[in-house]
């Protein structure tokens, strides 16, 4: 995921979480909102409740790899924030991947 497609500012994270729509799964809480531009921005948040710095970075890397393989259209008008819940386990990557892909597909379908 290129840097230009990331949500980076804290105020943008807050805006998307407060004013966007939410999807919740066992391992993720996904917030999204439509944007006037035809460009997708994705932000990833991992709490300290998930573990130490090494664990949090590993979770972010796993989420970025899932996005790289499943989200290929950055021309959709969405800002998305993916929050990993404390129930996320790095050892259960395939189940985590399936859950995130299904949540992202729901976001894609809401565009039509």
Protein backbone atom coordinates (compact mmCIF):
# COMPACT_ATOMS: atom_id res chain seq x y z
CA UNK A 1 0.00 0.00 0.00
CA UNK A 2 1.61 3.22 -1.14
CA UNK A 3 2.00 6.12 1.28
CA UNK A 4 -0.25 8.34 -0.83
CA UNK A 5 -3.18 6.01 -0.16
CA UNK A 6 -2.85 6.07 3.63
CA UNK A 7 -4.80 8.02 6.22
CA UNK A 8 -2.07 9.65 8.29
CA UNK A 9 -3.47 12.57 10.28
CA UNK A 10 -5.00 11.98 13.69
CA UNK A 11 -7.86 14.35 12.89
CA UNK A 12 -8.69 12.33 9.77
CA UNK A 13 -8.82 9.12 11.83
CA UNK A 14 -11.16 10.84 14.31
CA UNK A 15 -13.40 12.23 11.55
CA UNK A 16 -13.79 8.86 9.84
CA UNK A 17 -14.47 7.04 13.11
CA UNK A 18 -17.00 9.60 14.35
CA UNK A 19 -18.88 10.41 11.14
CA UNK A 20 -18.41 7.30 9.02
CA UNK A 21 -20.26 4.03 8.94
CA UNK A 22 -18.97 1.12 11.01
CA UNK A 23 -18.62 -2.60 10.37
CA UNK A 24 -17.61 -4.83 13.23
CA UNK A 25 -16.20 -8.31 13.17
CA UNK A 26 -14.54 -10.58 15.70
CA UNK A 27 -11.01 -9.28 14.98
CA UNK A 28 -11.65 -5.88 13.36
CA UNK A 29 -13.66 -2.75 13.62
CA UNK A 30 -13.80 -1.07 10.20
CA UNK A 31 -15.00 2.51 9.76
CA UNK A 32 -15.51 4.13 6.38
CA UNK A 33 -17.02 7.18 4.75
CA UNK A 34 -17.56 8.39 1.22
CA UNK A 35 -15.30 11.16 -0.01
CA UNK A 36 -15.79 13.71 -2.78
CA UNK A 37 -12.52 12.66 -4.43
CA UNK A 38 -12.20 9.50 -6.46
CA UNK A 39 -9.37 8.13 -4.37
CA UNK A 40 -9.27 5.59 -1.55
CA UNK A 41 -7.31 6.25 1.64
CA UNK A 42 -6.82 3.51 4.23
CA UNK A 43 -5.58 3.88 7.81
CA UNK A 44 -4.63 1.12 10.24
CA UNK A 45 -4.86 1.47 14.01
CA UNK A 46 -3.57 -1.07 16.52
CA UNK A 47 -4.02 -0.42 20.24
CA UNK A 48 -1.51 -1.13 22.99
CA UNK A 49 -4.06 -3.66 24.23
CA UNK A 50 -2.95 -5.87 21.33
CA UNK A 51 0.56 -6.23 22.78
CA UNK A 52 3.99 -4.71 22.67
CA UNK A 53 5.54 -2.72 19.83
CA UNK A 54 6.83 -5.79 18.00
CA UNK A 55 3.38 -7.41 18.03
CA UNK A 56 1.64 -4.21 16.91
CA UNK A 57 4.03 -3.75 13.99
CA UNK A 58 3.53 -7.39 12.96
CA UNK A 59 -0.26 -6.89 13.01
CA UNK A 60 0.05 -3.78 10.84
CA UNK A 61 2.28 -5.64 8.37
CA UNK A 62 -0.21 -8.50 8.16
CA UNK A 63 -3.10 -6.09 7.57
CA UNK A 64 -1.12 -4.22 4.88
CA UNK A 65 -0.38 -7.51 3.09
CA UNK A 66 -4.06 -8.46 3.15
CA UNK A 67 -4.97 -5.08 1.68
CA UNK A 68 -2.28 -5.41 -1.00
CA UNK A 69 -3.71 -8.72 -2.19
CA UNK A 70 -7.43 -7.93 -1.89
CA UNK A 71 -7.91 -4.17 -2.44
CA UNK A 72 -6.69 -3.31 -5.90
CA UNK A 73 -8.97 -0.40 -6.84
CA UNK A 74 -7.83 2.83 -5.23
CA UNK A 75 -10.15 4.89 -7.45
CA UNK A 76 -13.19 4.23 -5.24
CA UNK A 77 -14.32 7.25 -3.16
CA UNK A 78 -13.69 5.93 0.37
CA UNK A 79 -11.69 6.79 3.45
CA UNK A 80 -11.30 3.64 5.54
CA UNK A 81 -9.92 3.07 9.04
CA UNK A 82 -9.20 -0.52 10.09
CA UNK A 83 -8.87 -1.05 13.84
CA UNK A 84 -7.44 -4.35 15.04
CA UNK A 85 -9.26 -5.53 18.16
CA UNK A 86 -7.42 -7.13 21.10
CA UNK A 87 -8.88 -10.47 19.96
CA UNK A 88 -6.62 -10.34 16.86
CA UNK A 89 -4.04 -13.14 16.99
CA UNK A 90 -1.04 -13.02 14.66
CA UNK A 91 -0.97 -16.83 14.53
CA UNK A 92 -4.48 -16.99 13.03
CA UNK A 93 -3.55 -15.15 9.84
CA UNK A 94 -5.78 -17.05 7.39
CA UNK A 95 -8.93 -16.52 9.48
CA UNK A 96 -8.01 -12.86 9.97
CA UNK A 97 -7.47 -12.51 6.23
CA UNK A 98 -10.88 -13.97 5.38
CA UNK A 99 -12.64 -11.70 7.86
CA UNK A 100 -10.95 -8.53 6.62
CA UNK A 101 -11.57 -9.41 2.97
CA UNK A 102 -15.27 -9.93 3.68
CA UNK A 103 -15.48 -6.55 5.47
CA UNK A 104 -13.68 -4.81 2.59
CA UNK A 105 -16.05 -6.45 0.10
CA UNK A 106 -19.00 -5.03 2.02
CA UNK A 107 -17.43 -1.57 1.68
CA UNK A 108 -16.89 -2.08 -2.07
CA UNK A 109 -20.51 -3.17 -2.52
CA UNK A 110 -21.82 -0.12 -0.64
CA UNK A 111 -20.40 2.08 -3.41
CA UNK A 112 -22.83 0.78 -6.02
